[in-house]
PDB file of all heavy atoms in Angstrom:
ATOM      1  N   ILE A   1      96.542 110.118  88.154  1.00  0.00           N
ATOM      2  CA  ILE A   1      97.899 110.096  88.665  1.00  0.00           C
ATOM      3  C   ILE A   1      98.805 109.282  87.722  1.00  0.00           C
ATOM      4  O   ILE A   1      99.897 109.690  87.349  1.00  0.00           O
ATOM      5  CB  ILE A   1      97.955 109.547  90.086  1.00  0.00           C
ATOM      6  CG1 ILE A   1      97.374 110.575  91.046  1.00  0.00           C
ATOM      7  CG2 ILE A   1      99.383 109.136  90.526  1.00  0.00           C
ATOM      8  CD1 ILE A   1      97.034 110.060  92.423  1.00  0.00           C
ATOM      9  N   PHE A   2      98.383 108.028  87.328  1.00  0.00           N
ATOM     10  CA  PHE A   2      99.209 107.197  86.506  1.00  0.00           C
ATOM     11  C   PHE A   2      99.186 107.654  85.055  1.00  0.00           C
ATOM     12  O   PHE A   2     100.201 107.505  84.360  1.00  0.00           O
ATOM     13  CB  PHE A   2      98.815 105.744  86.622  1.00  0.00           C
ATOM     14  CG  PHE A   2      99.185 105.153  87.955  1.00  0.00           C
ATOM     15  CD1 PHE A   2      98.191 104.904  88.910  1.00  0.00           C
ATOM     16  CD2 PHE A   2     100.456 104.862  88.318  1.00  0.00           C
ATOM     17  CE1 PHE A   2      98.527 104.395  90.167  1.00  0.00           C
ATOM     18  CE2 PHE A   2     100.870 104.399  89.523  1.00  0.00           C
ATOM     19  CZ  PHE A   2      99.878 104.113  90.446  1.00  0.00           C
ATOM     20  N   GLY A   3      98.081 108.233  84.585  1.00  0.00           N
ATOM     21  CA  GLY A   3      98.032 108.701  83.235  1.00  0.00           C
ATOM     22  C   GLY A   3      98.872 109.901  83.014  1.00  0.00           C
ATOM     23  O   GLY A   3      99.459 110.092  81.964  1.00  0.00           O
ATOM     24  N   SER A   4      99.039 110.738  84.012  1.00  0.00           N
ATOM     25  CA  SER A   4      99.889 111.926  83.899  1.00  0.00           C
ATOM     26  C   SER A   4     101.291 111.676  84.316  1.00  0.00           C
ATOM     27  O   SER A   4     102.180 112.572  84.214  1.00  0.00           O
ATOM     28  CB  SER A   4      99.325 113.064  84.784  1.00  0.00           C
ATOM     29  OG  SER A   4      99.394 112.701  86.097  1.00  0.00           O
ATOM     30  N   GLU A   5     101.604 110.454  84.740  1.00  0.00           N
ATOM     31  CA  GLU A   5     102.930 110.077  85.235  1.00  0.00           C
ATOM     32  C   GLU A   5     103.386 110.896  86.340  1.00  0.00           C
ATOM     33  O   GLU A   5     104.584 111.176  86.524  1.00  0.00           O
ATOM     34  CB  GLU A   5     103.923 110.066  84.061  1.00  0.00           C
ATOM     35  CG  GLU A   5     103.559 109.071  82.952  1.00  0.00           C
ATOM     36  CD  GLU A   5     104.545 108.979  81.842  1.00  0.00           C
ATOM     37  OE1 GLU A   5     105.489 109.868  81.757  1.00  0.00           O
ATOM     38  OE2 GLU A   5     104.465 108.066  81.067  1.00  0.00           O
ATOM     39  N   ALA A   6     102.460 111.365  87.219  1.00  0.00           N
ATOM     40  CA  ALA A   6     102.816 112.134  88.391  1.00  0.00           C
ATOM     41  C   ALA A   6     103.679 111.304  89.347  1.00  0.00           C
ATOM     42  O   ALA A   6     104.455 111.905  90.146  1.00  0.00           O
ATOM     43  CB  ALA A   6     101.536 112.554  89.110  1.00  0.00           C
ATOM     44  N   TYR A   7     103.548 110.027  89.322  1.00  0.00           N
ATOM     45  CA  TYR A   7     104.317 109.193  90.179  1.00  0.00           C
ATOM     46  C   TYR A   7     105.809 109.275  90.002  1.00  0.00           C
ATOM     47  O   TYR A   7     106.639 108.950  90.866  1.00  0.00           O
ATOM     48  CB  TYR A   7     103.848 107.698  90.146  1.00  0.00           C
ATOM     49  CG  TYR A   7     104.044 107.100  88.781  1.00  0.00           C
ATOM     50  CD1 TYR A   7     105.199 106.422  88.452  1.00  0.00           C
ATOM     51  CD2 TYR A   7     103.025 107.200  87.877  1.00  0.00           C
ATOM     52  CE1 TYR A   7     105.341 105.870  87.162  1.00  0.00           C
ATOM     53  CE2 TYR A   7     103.109 106.657  86.579  1.00  0.00           C
ATOM     54  CZ  TYR A   7     104.308 105.987  86.290  1.00  0.00           C
ATOM     55  OH  TYR A   7     104.447 105.447  85.014  1.00  0.00           O
ATOM     56  N   LYS A   8     106.260 109.758  88.830  1.00  0.00           N
ATOM     57  CA  LYS A   8     107.655 109.960  88.556  1.00  0.00           C
ATOM     58  C   LYS A   8     108.230 111.105  89.377  1.00  0.00           C
ATOM     59  O   LYS A   8     109.390 111.118  89.720  1.00  0.00           O
ATOM     60  CB  LYS A   8     107.860 110.182  87.061  1.00  0.00           C
ATOM     61  CG  LYS A   8     107.565 108.986  86.176  1.00  0.00           C
ATOM     62  CD  LYS A   8     107.898 109.313  84.743  1.00  0.00           C
ATOM     63  CE  LYS A   8     107.615 108.031  83.891  1.00  0.00           C
ATOM     64  NZ  LYS A   8     107.842 108.328  82.483  1.00  0.00           N
ATOM     65  N   TYR A   9     107.369 112.077  89.694  1.00  0.00           N
ATOM     66  CA  TYR A   9     107.816 113.207  90.518  1.00  0.00           C
ATOM     67  C   TYR A   9     107.502 113.007  92.007  1.00  0.00           C
ATOM     68  O   TYR A   9     108.114 113.632  92.848  1.00  0.00           O
ATOM     69  CB  TYR A   9     107.086 114.457  90.060  1.00  0.00           C
ATOM     70  CG  TYR A   9     107.541 114.925  88.654  1.00  0.00           C
ATOM     71  CD1 TYR A   9     106.922 114.476  87.563  1.00  0.00           C
ATOM     72  CD2 TYR A   9     108.666 115.761  88.512  1.00  0.00           C
ATOM     73  CE1 TYR A   9     107.302 114.918  86.272  1.00  0.00           C
ATOM     74  CE2 TYR A   9     109.086 116.187  87.287  1.00  0.00           C
ATOM     75  CZ  TYR A   9     108.402 115.730  86.150  1.00  0.00           C
ATOM     76  OH  TYR A   9     108.775 116.106  84.933  1.00  0.00           O
ATOM     77  N   PHE A  10     106.532 112.171  92.272  1.00  0.00           N
ATOM     78  CA  PHE A  10     106.110 111.927  93.656  1.00  0.00           C
ATOM     79  C   PHE A  10     105.981 110.366  93.731  1.00  0.00           C
ATOM     80  O   PHE A  10     104.929 109.842  93.600  1.00  0.00           O
ATOM     81  CB  PHE A  10     104.744 112.562  93.897  1.00  0.00           C
ATOM     82  CG  PHE A  10     104.261 112.563  95.297  1.00  0.00           C
ATOM     83  CD1 PHE A  10     103.081 113.213  95.626  1.00  0.00           C
ATOM     84  CD2 PHE A  10     104.963 111.881  96.327  1.00  0.00           C
ATOM     85  CE1 PHE A  10     102.634 113.222  96.927  1.00  0.00           C
ATOM     86  CE2 PHE A  10     104.469 111.904  97.627  1.00  0.00           C
ATOM     87  CZ  PHE A  10     103.271 112.529  97.942  1.00  0.00           C
ATOM     88  N   ALA A  11     107.147 109.750  93.982  1.00  0.00           N
ATOM     89  CA  ALA A  11     107.303 108.286  93.910  1.00  0.00           C
ATOM     90  C   ALA A  11     106.278 107.504  94.760  1.00  0.00           C
ATOM     91  O   ALA A  11     105.865 106.458  94.402  1.00  0.00           O
ATOM     92  CB  ALA A  11     108.709 107.886  94.253  1.00  0.00           C
ATOM     93  N   ASP A  12     105.944 108.069  95.948  1.00  0.00           N
ATOM     94  CA  ASP A  12     105.003 107.313  96.791  1.00  0.00           C
ATOM     95  C   ASP A  12     103.629 107.184  96.232  1.00  0.00           C
ATOM     96  O   ASP A  12     102.858 106.275  96.599  1.00  0.00           O
ATOM     97  CB  ASP A  12     104.956 108.028  98.178  1.00  0.00           C
ATOM     98  CG  ASP A  12     106.148 107.772  99.065  1.00  0.00           C
ATOM     99  OD1 ASP A  12     106.988 106.932  98.616  1.00  0.00           O
ATOM    100  OD2 ASP A  12     106.285 108.363 100.093  1.00  0.00           O
ATOM    101  N   LEU A  13     103.224 108.066  95.302  1.00  0.00           N
ATOM    102  CA  LEU A  13     101.928 107.959  94.651  1.00  0.00           C
ATOM    103  C   LEU A  13     101.832 106.658  93.860  1.00  0.00           C
ATOM    104  O   LEU A  13     100.794 106.057  93.746  1.00  0.00           O
ATOM    105  CB  LEU A  13     101.586 109.145  93.792  1.00  0.00           C
ATOM    106  CG  LEU A  13     101.227 110.458  94.489  1.00  0.00           C
ATOM    107  CD1 LEU A  13     100.904 111.517  93.450  1.00  0.00           C
ATOM    108  CD2 LEU A  13     100.054 110.292  95.407  1.00  0.00           C
ATOM    109  N   GLY A  14     102.949 106.236  93.313  1.00  0.00           N
ATOM    110  CA  GLY A  14     102.925 104.993  92.535  1.00  0.00           C
ATOM    111  C   GLY A  14     103.464 103.859  93.312  1.00  0.00           C
ATOM    112  O   GLY A  14     103.295 102.688  92.957  1.00  0.00           O
ATOM    113  N   GLY A  15     104.046 104.109  94.515  1.00  0.00           N
ATOM    114  CA  GLY A  15     104.638 103.051  95.277  1.00  0.00           C
ATOM    115  C   GLY A  15     103.797 102.481  96.394  1.00  0.00           C
ATOM    116  O   GLY A  15     103.363 101.307  96.404  1.00  0.00           O
ATOM    117  N   ILE A  16     103.522 103.381  97.387  1.00  0.00           N
ATOM    118  CA  ILE A  16     102.895 102.830  98.596  1.00  0.00           C
ATOM    119  C   ILE A  16     101.432 103.333  98.801  1.00  0.00           C
ATOM    120  O   ILE A  16     100.607 102.583  99.347  1.00  0.00           O
ATOM    121  CB  ILE A  16     103.710 103.231  99.883  1.00  0.00           C
ATOM    122  CG1 ILE A  16     103.270 102.437 101.059  1.00  0.00           C
ATOM    123  CG2 ILE A  16     103.706 104.687 100.091  1.00  0.00           C
ATOM    124  CD1 ILE A  16     104.161 102.570 102.228  1.00  0.00           C
ATOM    125  N   TRP A  17     101.101 104.537  98.333  1.00  0.00           N
ATOM    126  CA  TRP A  17      99.748 105.074  98.674  1.00  0.00           C
ATOM    127  C   TRP A  17      98.616 104.309  98.128  1.00  0.00           C
ATOM    128  O   TRP A  17      97.562 104.148  98.710  1.00  0.00           O
ATOM    129  CB  TRP A  17      99.679 106.575  98.387  1.00  0.00           C
ATOM    130  CG  TRP A  17     100.450 107.351  99.350  1.00  0.00           C
ATOM    131  CD1 TRP A  17     101.655 107.995  99.228  1.00  0.00           C
ATOM    132  CD2 TRP A  17     100.066 107.531 100.706  1.00  0.00           C
ATOM    133  NE1 TRP A  17     102.071 108.512 100.358  1.00  0.00           N
ATOM    134  CE2 TRP A  17     101.124 108.267 101.367  1.00  0.00           C
ATOM    135  CE3 TRP A  17      99.066 107.125 101.570  1.00  0.00           C
ATOM    136  CZ2 TRP A  17     101.097 108.653 102.700  1.00  0.00           C
ATOM    137  CZ3 TRP A  17      99.010 107.515 102.874  1.00  0.00           C
ATOM    138  CH2 TRP A  17     100.064 108.219 103.438  1.00  0.00           C
ATOM    139  N   TRP A  18      98.806 103.792  96.959  1.00  0.00           N
ATOM    140  CA  TRP A  18      97.692 103.009  96.347  1.00  0.00           C
ATOM    141  C   TRP A  18      97.483 101.719  97.114  1.00  0.00           C
ATOM    142  O   TRP A  18      96.343 101.263  97.267  1.00  0.00           O
ATOM    143  CB  TRP A  18      97.933 102.725  94.826  1.00  0.00           C
ATOM    144  CG  TRP A  18      98.986 101.781  94.551  1.00  0.00           C
ATOM    145  CD1 TRP A  18     100.287 101.989  94.373  1.00  0.00           C
ATOM    146  CD2 TRP A  18      98.821 100.329  94.403  1.00  0.00           C
ATOM    147  NE1 TRP A  18     100.990 100.867  94.145  1.00  0.00           N
ATOM    148  CE2 TRP A  18     100.057  99.796  94.142  1.00  0.00           C
ATOM    149  CE3 TRP A  18      97.708  99.482  94.402  1.00  0.00           C
ATOM    150  CZ2 TRP A  18     100.278  98.425  93.903  1.00  0.00           C
ATOM    151  CZ3 TRP A  18      97.911  98.150  94.233  1.00  0.00           C
ATOM    152  CH2 TRP A  18      99.187  97.629  93.962  1.00  0.00           C
ATOM    153  N   LEU A  19      98.531 101.145  97.695  1.00  0.00           N
ATOM    154  CA  LEU A  19      98.377  99.951  98.526  1.00  0.00           C
ATOM    155  C   LEU A  19      97.642 100.299  99.823  1.00  0.00           C
ATOM    156  O   LEU A  19      96.832  99.485 100.303  1.00  0.00           O
ATOM    157  CB  LEU A  19      99.750  99.351  98.840  1.00  0.00           C
ATOM    158  CG  LEU A  19     100.468  98.686  97.663  1.00  0.00           C
ATOM    159  CD1 LEU A  19     101.891  98.367  98.052  1.00  0.00           C
ATOM    160  CD2 LEU A  19      99.739  97.491  97.180  1.00  0.00           C
ATOM    161  N   ILE A  20      98.000 101.444 100.430  1.00  0.00           N
ATOM    162  CA  ILE A  20      97.345 101.859 101.650  1.00  0.00           C
ATOM    163  C   ILE A  20      95.840 102.098 101.441  1.00  0.00           C
ATOM    164  O   ILE A  20      95.005 101.575 102.216  1.00  0.00           O
ATOM    165  CB  ILE A  20      98.003 103.134 102.263  1.00  0.00           C
ATOM    166  CG1 ILE A  20      99.401 102.779 102.719  1.00  0.00           C
ATOM    167  CG2 ILE A  20      97.190 103.708 103.305  1.00  0.00           C
ATOM    168  CD1 ILE A  20     100.249 103.971 103.122  1.00  0.00           C
ATOM    169  N   VAL A  21      95.531 102.770 100.368  1.00  0.00           N
ATOM    170  CA  VAL A  21      94.114 103.025 100.059  1.00  0.00           C
ATOM    171  C   VAL A  21      93.339 101.766  99.828  1.00  0.00           C
ATOM    172  O   VAL A  21      92.258 101.534 100.343  1.00  0.00           O
ATOM    173  CB  VAL A  21      93.997 103.982  98.769  1.00  0.00           C
ATOM    174  CG1 VAL A  21      92.538 104.042  98.352  1.00  0.00           C
ATOM    175  CG2 VAL A  21      94.501 105.339  99.129  1.00  0.00           C
ATOM    176  N   ALA A  22      93.923 100.844  99.059  1.00  0.00           N
ATOM    177  CA  ALA A  22      93.262  99.590  98.745  1.00  0.00           C
ATOM    178  C   ALA A  22      93.010  98.801 100.048  1.00  0.00           C
ATOM    179  O   ALA A  22      91.977  98.239 100.250  1.00  0.00           O
ATOM    180  CB  ALA A  22      94.028  98.762  97.671  1.00  0.00           C
ATOM    181  N   ALA A  23      94.070  98.747 100.873  1.00  0.00           N
ATOM    182  CA  ALA A  23      93.957  97.884 102.100  1.00  0.00           C
ATOM    183  C   ALA A  23      92.951  98.467 103.035  1.00  0.00           C
ATOM    184  O   ALA A  23      92.125  97.749 103.613  1.00  0.00           O
ATOM    185  CB  ALA A  23      95.326  97.828 102.758  1.00  0.00           C
ATOM    186  N   LEU A  24      92.924  99.826 103.170  1.00  0.00           N
ATOM    187  CA  LEU A  24      91.920 100.389 104.116  1.00  0.00           C
ATOM    188  C   LEU A  24      90.491 100.363 103.518  1.00  0.00           C
ATOM    189  O   LEU A  24      89.550 100.158 104.307  1.00  0.00           O
ATOM    190  CB  LEU A  24      92.308 101.856 104.399  1.00  0.00           C
ATOM    191  CG  LEU A  24      93.567 102.031 105.211  1.00  0.00           C
ATOM    192  CD1 LEU A  24      93.929 103.506 105.416  1.00  0.00           C
ATOM    193  CD2 LEU A  24      93.465 101.321 106.580  1.00  0.00           C
ATOM    194  N   TRP A  25      90.330 100.450 102.230  1.00  0.00           N
ATOM    195  CA  TRP A  25      89.050 100.356 101.640  1.00  0.00           C
ATOM    196  C   TRP A  25      88.510  98.964 101.828  1.00  0.00           C
ATOM    197  O   TRP A  25      87.362  98.748 102.243  1.00  0.00           O
ATOM    198  CB  TRP A  25      89.085 100.653 100.131  1.00  0.00           C
ATOM    199  CG  TRP A  25      87.733 100.625  99.486  1.00  0.00           C
ATOM    200  CD1 TRP A  25      86.730 101.501  99.625  1.00  0.00           C
ATOM    201  CD2 TRP A  25      87.270  99.563  98.607  1.00  0.00           C
ATOM    202  NE1 TRP A  25      85.633 101.082  98.868  1.00  0.00           N
ATOM    203  CE2 TRP A  25      85.947  99.899  98.245  1.00  0.00           C
ATOM    204  CE3 TRP A  25      87.792  98.422  98.107  1.00  0.00           C
ATOM    205  CZ2 TRP A  25      85.205  99.161  97.367  1.00  0.00           C
ATOM    206  CZ3 TRP A  25      87.099  97.639  97.271  1.00  0.00           C
ATOM    207  CH2 TRP A  25      85.757  97.985  96.877  1.00  0.00           C
ATOM    208  N   ILE A  26      89.332  97.976 101.680  1.00  0.00           N
ATOM    209  CA  ILE A  26      88.869  96.572 101.831  1.00  0.00           C
ATOM    210  C   ILE A  26      88.629  96.306 103.362  1.00  0.00           C
ATOM    211  O   ILE A  26      87.635  95.693 103.717  1.00  0.00           O
ATOM    212  CB  ILE A  26      90.015  95.556 101.336  1.00  0.00           C
ATOM    213  CG1 ILE A  26      90.058  95.635  99.798  1.00  0.00           C
ATOM    214  CG2 ILE A  26      89.792  94.203 101.820  1.00  0.00           C
ATOM    215  CD1 ILE A  26      91.253  94.970  99.164  1.00  0.00           C
TER     216      ILE A  26
END
């Protein structure tokens, strides 16, 4: 996602979803 810069087209992939995944995994 970050290597392809997909977050520029889908802002939440770079903004909030990685935080949600990390918090729930922990």
